[in-house]
Protein backbone atom coordinates (compact mmCIF):
# COMPACT_ATOMS: atom_id res chain seq x y z
CA MET A 1 -32.26 -38.79 42.06
CA LYS A 2 -28.61 -39.92 44.01
CA GLN A 3 -28.00 -35.75 43.51
CA ASN A 4 -28.89 -32.99 45.21
CA VAL A 5 -32.63 -31.57 42.34
CA VAL A 6 -29.83 -27.68 43.05
CA GLY A 7 -27.09 -28.10 40.60
CA TRP A 8 -26.14 -24.12 39.55
CA PHE A 9 -27.31 -20.31 40.11
CA GLU A 10 -27.02 -17.65 38.10
CA ILE A 11 -27.49 -14.09 39.59
CA PRO A 12 -27.12 -11.74 36.72
CA VAL A 13 -25.47 -7.98 37.80
CA ASN A 14 -25.30 -4.83 35.93
CA ASP A 15 -21.33 -3.72 37.72
CA MET A 16 -18.98 -7.46 37.70
CA ASP A 17 -16.29 -4.94 40.11
CA ARG A 18 -19.16 -3.72 42.85
CA ALA A 19 -21.15 -6.26 42.53
CA LYS A 20 -17.55 -8.97 43.31
CA ARG A 21 -17.66 -6.21 46.53
CA PHE A 22 -20.56 -6.47 47.39
CA TYR A 23 -20.56 -10.42 48.04
CA GLU A 24 -17.09 -11.13 48.84
CA THR A 25 -17.81 -8.24 52.24
CA VAL A 26 -21.35 -9.70 53.45
CA PHE A 27 -20.63 -13.60 52.96
CA GLU A 28 -16.44 -12.47 53.96
CA ILE A 29 -16.27 -14.67 50.96
CA GLU A 30 -13.88 -14.42 47.33
CA VAL A 31 -15.13 -14.79 44.90
CA SER A 32 -13.10 -15.10 41.38
CA ILE A 33 -13.71 -14.02 37.91
CA HIS A 34 -13.81 -15.12 34.73
CA ASP A 35 -14.07 -14.04 31.05
CA PHE A 36 -15.91 -16.11 29.20
CA GLY A 37 -15.81 -14.37 25.30
CA GLY A 38 -16.88 -11.40 26.41
CA MET A 39 -19.08 -12.98 29.57
CA LEU A 40 -18.38 -12.52 32.21
CA MET A 41 -18.50 -14.62 35.66
CA GLY A 42 -17.84 -13.99 39.29
CA TRP A 43 -17.36 -17.96 40.73
CA PHE A 44 -18.56 -18.31 44.06
CA PRO A 45 -16.49 -20.93 45.72
CA PHE A 46 -16.73 -24.92 46.24
CA ASP A 47 -15.61 -27.29 47.87
CA GLU A 48 -17.38 -30.93 46.63
CA SER A 49 -16.44 -31.83 49.93
CA LYS A 50 -19.41 -29.77 52.23
CA PRO A 51 -22.94 -30.02 50.23
CA GLY A 52 -25.06 -27.44 48.86
CA ALA A 53 -24.85 -26.09 44.80
CA THR A 54 -22.89 -22.70 44.07
CA GLY A 55 -22.72 -20.58 41.40
CA THR A 56 -21.76 -17.68 40.00
CA LEU A 57 -22.33 -14.17 39.96
CA ILE A 58 -22.89 -13.35 35.65
CA LYS A 59 -22.32 -10.13 34.08
CA GLN A 60 -24.04 -10.65 29.68
CA GLU A 61 -26.82 -8.54 28.21
CA SER A 62 -29.16 -11.34 27.72
CA TYR A 63 -29.17 -11.20 32.37
CA ILE A 64 -30.82 -8.12 33.94
CA PRO A 65 -31.29 -7.58 37.21
CA SER A 66 -34.07 -8.39 38.98
CA GLN A 67 -36.68 -8.79 42.10
CA GLU A 68 -38.86 -10.27 40.87
CA GLY A 69 -38.01 -14.56 39.79
CA THR A 70 -36.17 -17.24 41.64
CA LEU A 71 -35.28 -15.99 44.74
CA VAL A 72 -31.98 -18.05 45.47
CA TYR A 73 -31.36 -18.97 49.27
CA PHE A 74 -27.98 -18.53 50.93
CA ASN A 75 -26.89 -21.06 53.74
CA SER A 76 -25.56 -19.41 56.36
CA VAL A 77 -24.08 -20.18 60.38
CA ASP A 78 -26.55 -16.37 61.50
CA VAL A 79 -28.94 -14.58 59.09
CA GLN A 80 -27.67 -11.45 61.17
CA LEU A 81 -24.40 -11.78 60.70
CA GLU A 82 -24.34 -11.23 56.88
CA LEU A 83 -27.35 -9.13 57.22
CA ASP A 84 -25.69 -7.04 59.29
CA ARG A 85 -23.16 -6.07 56.43
CA VAL A 86 -25.18 -6.19 53.02
CA VAL A 87 -25.96 -2.24 54.14
CA SER A 88 -22.10 -1.12 53.91
CA ALA A 89 -22.07 -3.75 51.09
CA GLY A 90 -24.46 -1.24 48.65
CA GLY A 91 -27.11 -3.69 50.06
CA ASN A 92 -30.36 -3.11 51.77
CA ILE A 93 -32.51 -5.33 54.04
CA TYR A 94 -35.03 -6.87 52.29
CA GLN A 95 -36.66 -8.31 55.03
CA PRO A 96 -35.01 -8.53 58.92
CA LYS A 97 -34.13 -11.92 60.06
CA THR A 98 -37.29 -13.58 60.58
CA GLN A 99 -38.41 -16.92 62.36
CA ILE A 100 -40.10 -19.13 60.20
CA SER A 101 -40.62 -21.82 63.55
CA PRO A 102 -38.76 -23.63 65.44
CA GLU A 103 -37.85 -26.52 63.86
CA HIS A 104 -37.11 -24.63 60.87
CA GLY A 105 -34.97 -21.91 62.17
CA PHE A 106 -34.84 -18.17 60.47
CA MET A 107 -34.89 -16.24 57.59
CA GLY A 108 -33.88 -12.76 56.13
CA ALA A 109 -33.86 -10.75 51.83
CA PHE A 110 -31.82 -8.32 50.80
CA ILE A 111 -31.56 -6.79 47.57
CA ASP A 112 -27.57 -6.60 46.67
CA SER A 113 -25.78 -4.36 44.78
CA GLU A 114 -27.41 -4.44 41.26
CA GLY A 115 -30.99 -4.82 42.70
CA ASN A 116 -31.65 -8.44 42.95
CA ARG A 117 -33.50 -10.28 45.75
CA ILE A 118 -31.23 -13.16 47.02
CA ALA A 119 -32.97 -14.74 50.79
CA LEU A 120 -30.12 -16.39 53.23
CA HIS A 121 -31.09 -19.12 56.46
CA SER A 122 -29.77 -20.52 58.92
CA ARG A 123 -31.04 -22.91 62.01
CA GLN A 124 -30.49 -19.61 64.89
């Protein structure tokens, strides 16, 4: 395979405006909303010159927020930076910053404003 295995992810939401505010606050980014005939998508920023996959928030009746199932990890400079903004943005800390190992860095996890379990990874 000539590319990374992960190419796209979708995070289910019940309230697009609330989820948009949450992710924009936690990651200090801008999420752009797109309406595809009643299916709302909130696209995360993407720069083709940088490594990694991108994805979207998605509101559609067949997408149900959950703390079970696939766990998406967002890259971070320092996991604690985003974790410090989670609660004030409307989420809850699921796992505080924890060292995986000296060679693999740190992780942390939270429950977003919609009830999804989301993780973070950083080297420091």
